[in-house]
Amino acid sequence: MTIVTEPASDAALVARCRAGEDEAWRELVERFSRYVYAIAVQAFRLPEHDAEDVFQEVFARTYERLESLRDDAAIRPWLGQLTRRLCIDCLRGEAREEPVEEPEPPNAEQIVERLDEALDVHHALDRLSGDCREVLDRFFARDESYRTIGDALDIPPGTIASRISRCLEKLKAELVGRTEPVHASGKR
């Protein structure tokens, strides 16, 4: 029997980091690494070597300055803002070498918003049962048919649609309350 533990909230994870737990720092980096890297690569279109430098600097500064975070639950927007500033600094540094009209790509904010939404859905999916995660992943991410899902999970294909519907309702319930963005100040 596998015991599934619910991931700690962002606030609880930050509190553990503030308490000096090494494992909490590893979890924090793991939890937000894709988010930080995606902002650098997708929103700001930094080359890989610059994105890696920004990534390293974001987590180094996080380690150094976590005490300045006023609301532990606001870690994601705080990291997002820090990442954006460092990406802009990186682009400005390149602009000194070769002229660039605008350091921030015009659609960077929209891309960051989509990344925030994707992270919200990812965290909500983590809180669902393994059965729901499996069905939703197979249907939406892997684009499997009802029959394929039914065969793989030993469920009648006619039951798959209702299972997906119930799991989507559970996902929606997990997302309620997460639709209002948390700003770096911690206010919704």
Protein backbone atom coordinates (compact mmCIF):
# COMPACT_ATOMS: atom_id res chain seq x y z
CA MET A 1 0.00 0.00 0.00
CA THR A 2 1.43 3.36 -1.06
CA ILE A 3 0.87 6.29 1.27
CA VAL A 4 0.46 9.54 -0.62
CA THR A 5 1.30 12.64 1.34
CA GLU A 6 -0.13 15.97 0.37
CA PRO A 7 2.55 18.49 -0.56
CA ALA A 8 3.13 21.21 2.03
CA SER A 9 1.59 24.58 1.34
CA ASP A 10 3.93 27.26 0.02
CA ALA A 11 3.68 29.08 3.36
CA ALA A 12 4.56 25.94 5.34
CA LEU A 13 7.50 25.24 3.05
CA VAL A 14 8.82 28.80 3.45
CA ALA A 15 8.43 28.55 7.23
CA ARG A 16 10.55 25.38 7.18
CA CYS A 17 13.18 27.18 5.06
CA ARG A 18 13.23 30.06 7.55
CA ALA A 19 13.78 27.47 10.29
CA GLY A 20 16.91 26.33 8.45
CA GLU A 21 15.76 22.91 7.21
CA ASP A 22 18.03 21.81 4.37
CA GLU A 23 15.38 19.46 2.99
CA ALA A 24 12.90 22.36 2.82
CA TRP A 25 15.34 24.35 0.69
CA ARG A 26 15.67 21.41 -1.69
CA GLU A 27 11.87 21.15 -1.88
CA LEU A 28 11.53 24.89 -2.52
CA VAL A 29 13.99 24.78 -5.41
CA GLU A 30 12.34 21.65 -6.81
CA ARG A 31 8.85 23.14 -6.50
CA PHE A 32 9.70 26.40 -8.26
CA SER A 33 12.58 25.47 -10.56
CA ARG A 34 10.44 24.93 -13.67
CA TYR A 35 8.54 28.15 -12.98
CA VAL A 36 11.69 30.27 -12.67
CA TYR A 37 13.34 28.64 -15.69
CA ALA A 38 10.17 28.96 -17.79
CA ILE A 39 9.95 32.70 -17.08
CA ALA A 40 13.54 33.15 -18.23
CA VAL A 41 13.22 30.99 -21.35
CA GLN A 42 9.60 31.41 -22.43
CA ALA A 43 8.70 34.91 -21.27
CA PHE A 44 12.07 36.60 -21.79
CA ARG A 45 13.52 34.27 -24.42
CA LEU A 46 16.91 34.17 -22.77
CA PRO A 47 19.48 31.81 -24.26
CA GLU A 48 20.07 28.69 -22.18
CA HIS A 49 23.33 29.90 -20.59
CA ASP A 50 21.72 33.20 -19.52
CA ALA A 51 18.60 31.41 -18.25
CA GLU A 52 20.81 29.13 -16.15
CA ASP A 53 22.63 32.15 -14.72
CA VAL A 54 19.30 33.80 -13.84
CA PHE A 55 18.06 30.55 -12.30
CA GLN A 56 21.14 30.29 -10.07
CA GLU A 57 20.93 33.95 -9.07
CA VAL A 58 17.20 33.74 -8.23
CA PHE A 59 17.71 30.90 -5.77
CA ALA A 60 20.92 32.39 -4.34
CA ARG A 61 19.09 35.65 -3.64
CA THR A 62 16.11 33.74 -2.28
CA TYR A 63 18.40 32.03 0.20
CA GLU A 64 19.99 35.34 1.17
CA ARG A 65 16.82 37.45 1.30
CA LEU A 66 13.99 35.15 2.34
CA GLU A 67 13.64 37.10 5.58
CA SER A 68 12.46 40.13 3.54
CA LEU A 69 9.39 38.21 2.31
CA ARG A 70 6.48 39.67 4.30
CA ASP A 71 3.98 36.85 3.65
CA ASP A 72 5.21 33.26 3.40
CA ALA A 73 2.26 32.38 1.15
CA ALA A 74 3.45 34.96 -1.41
CA ILE A 75 6.65 33.08 -2.29
CA ARG A 76 5.62 32.34 -5.89
CA PRO A 77 4.84 35.94 -6.93
CA TRP A 78 7.94 37.07 -5.04
CA LEU A 79 10.08 34.59 -6.98
CA GLY A 80 8.32 35.58 -10.21
CA GLN A 81 9.08 39.26 -9.66
CA LEU A 82 12.68 38.53 -8.71
CA THR A 83 13.06 36.38 -11.85
CA ARG A 84 11.57 39.12 -14.06
CA ARG A 85 13.93 41.75 -12.61
CA LEU A 86 16.98 39.54 -13.13
CA CYS A 87 15.90 38.70 -16.70
CA ILE A 88 15.52 42.40 -17.49
CA ASP A 89 18.94 43.07 -15.95
CA CYS A 90 20.38 40.32 -18.12
CA LEU A 91 18.77 41.79 -21.25
CA ARG A 92 20.00 45.27 -20.34
CA GLY A 93 23.50 43.87 -19.98
CA GLU A 94 23.26 42.46 -23.49
CA ALA A 95 21.83 45.77 -24.71
CA ARG A 96 25.10 47.46 -23.69
CA GLU A 97 26.91 45.11 -26.04
CA GLU A 98 24.44 45.41 -28.91
CA PRO A 99 21.54 47.87 -29.05
CA VAL A 100 18.09 46.53 -28.23
CA GLU A 101 14.94 48.64 -28.40
CA GLU A 102 13.05 47.22 -25.43
CA PRO A 103 14.56 44.99 -22.74
CA GLU A 104 11.31 43.21 -21.80
CA PRO A 105 9.56 41.29 -24.58
CA PRO A 106 6.09 42.79 -25.13
CA ASN A 107 4.21 39.61 -24.19
CA ALA A 108 6.37 38.60 -21.21
CA GLU A 109 3.69 39.49 -18.66
CA GLN A 110 1.08 37.38 -20.49
CA ILE A 111 3.44 34.42 -20.61
CA VAL A 112 4.18 34.77 -16.88
CA GLU A 113 0.43 34.88 -16.18
CA ARG A 114 -0.04 31.63 -18.16
CA LEU A 115 2.83 30.05 -16.23
CA ASP A 116 1.17 31.14 -12.96
CA GLU A 117 -2.10 29.56 -14.07
CA ALA A 118 -0.35 26.35 -15.10
CA LEU A 119 1.37 26.17 -11.72
CA ASP A 120 -1.98 26.67 -9.96
CA VAL A 121 -3.47 23.76 -11.93
CA HIS A 122 -0.41 21.62 -11.25
CA HIS A 123 -0.67 22.23 -7.49
CA ALA A 124 -4.43 21.56 -7.57
CA LEU A 125 -3.85 18.30 -9.45
CA ASP A 126 -1.32 17.27 -6.79
CA ARG A 127 -4.08 17.51 -4.19
CA LEU A 128 -6.41 15.16 -6.10
CA SER A 129 -6.50 11.41 -5.59
CA GLY A 130 -4.17 9.31 -7.70
CA ASP A 131 -7.14 7.93 -9.63
CA CYS A 132 -8.31 11.41 -10.63
CA ARG A 133 -4.80 12.53 -11.57
CA GLU A 134 -4.38 9.43 -13.72
CA VAL A 135 -7.69 9.80 -15.57
CA LEU A 136 -7.23 13.54 -16.20
CA ASP A 137 -3.61 13.08 -17.28
CA ARG A 138 -4.50 10.30 -19.71
CA PHE A 139 -7.42 12.21 -21.22
CA PHE A 140 -6.06 15.77 -21.37
CA ALA A 141 -2.26 15.44 -21.43
CA ARG A 142 -1.85 12.15 -23.31
CA ASP A 143 -4.98 12.60 -25.46
CA GLU A 144 -6.06 8.98 -24.91
CA SER A 145 -9.51 7.76 -25.94
CA TYR A 146 -12.12 6.56 -23.45
CA ARG A 147 -11.47 2.99 -24.62
CA THR A 148 -7.71 3.27 -24.15
CA ILE A 149 -8.14 4.76 -20.68
CA GLY A 150 -10.69 2.12 -19.75
CA ASP A 151 -8.45 -0.70 -20.93
CA ALA A 152 -5.42 0.68 -19.07
CA LEU A 153 -7.29 1.27 -15.82
CA ASP A 154 -9.64 -1.72 -16.07
CA ILE A 155 -12.70 0.55 -16.08
CA PRO A 156 -15.62 0.20 -18.51
CA PRO A 157 -15.17 2.81 -21.29
CA GLY A 158 -18.72 4.06 -20.66
CA THR A 159 -17.69 5.07 -17.14
CA ILE A 160 -14.75 7.20 -18.23
CA ALA A 161 -16.79 10.30 -19.18
CA SER A 162 -18.52 10.45 -15.80
CA ARG A 163 -15.20 9.82 -14.01
CA ILE A 164 -13.58 12.69 -15.95
CA SER A 165 -16.51 14.94 -15.11
CA ARG A 166 -16.32 14.14 -11.38
CA CYS A 167 -12.56 14.63 -11.35
CA LEU A 168 -12.89 17.97 -13.13
CA GLU A 169 -15.37 19.08 -10.47
CA LYS A 170 -12.87 18.09 -7.78
CA LEU A 171 -10.14 19.99 -9.64
CA LYS A 172 -12.39 23.03 -9.88
CA ALA A 173 -13.05 22.84 -6.14
CA GLU A 174 -9.29 22.76 -5.50
CA LEU A 175 -8.81 25.82 -7.69
CA VAL A 176 -11.53 27.88 -5.98
CA GLY A 177 -9.87 30.53 -3.89
CA ARG A 178 -6.69 30.25 -5.93
CA THR A 179 -8.11 32.32 -8.77
CA GLU A 180 -7.24 35.61 -7.10
CA PRO A 181 -3.56 36.29 -7.60
CA VAL A 182 -1.37 36.69 -4.53
CA HIS A 183 0.86 39.71 -5.00
CA ALA A 184 4.37 40.01 -3.63
CA SER A 185 2.95 42.07 -0.79
CA GLY A 186 0.85 39.02 0.14
CA LYS A 187 -2.47 40.75 -0.59
CA ARG A 188 -5.12 39.16 -2.78
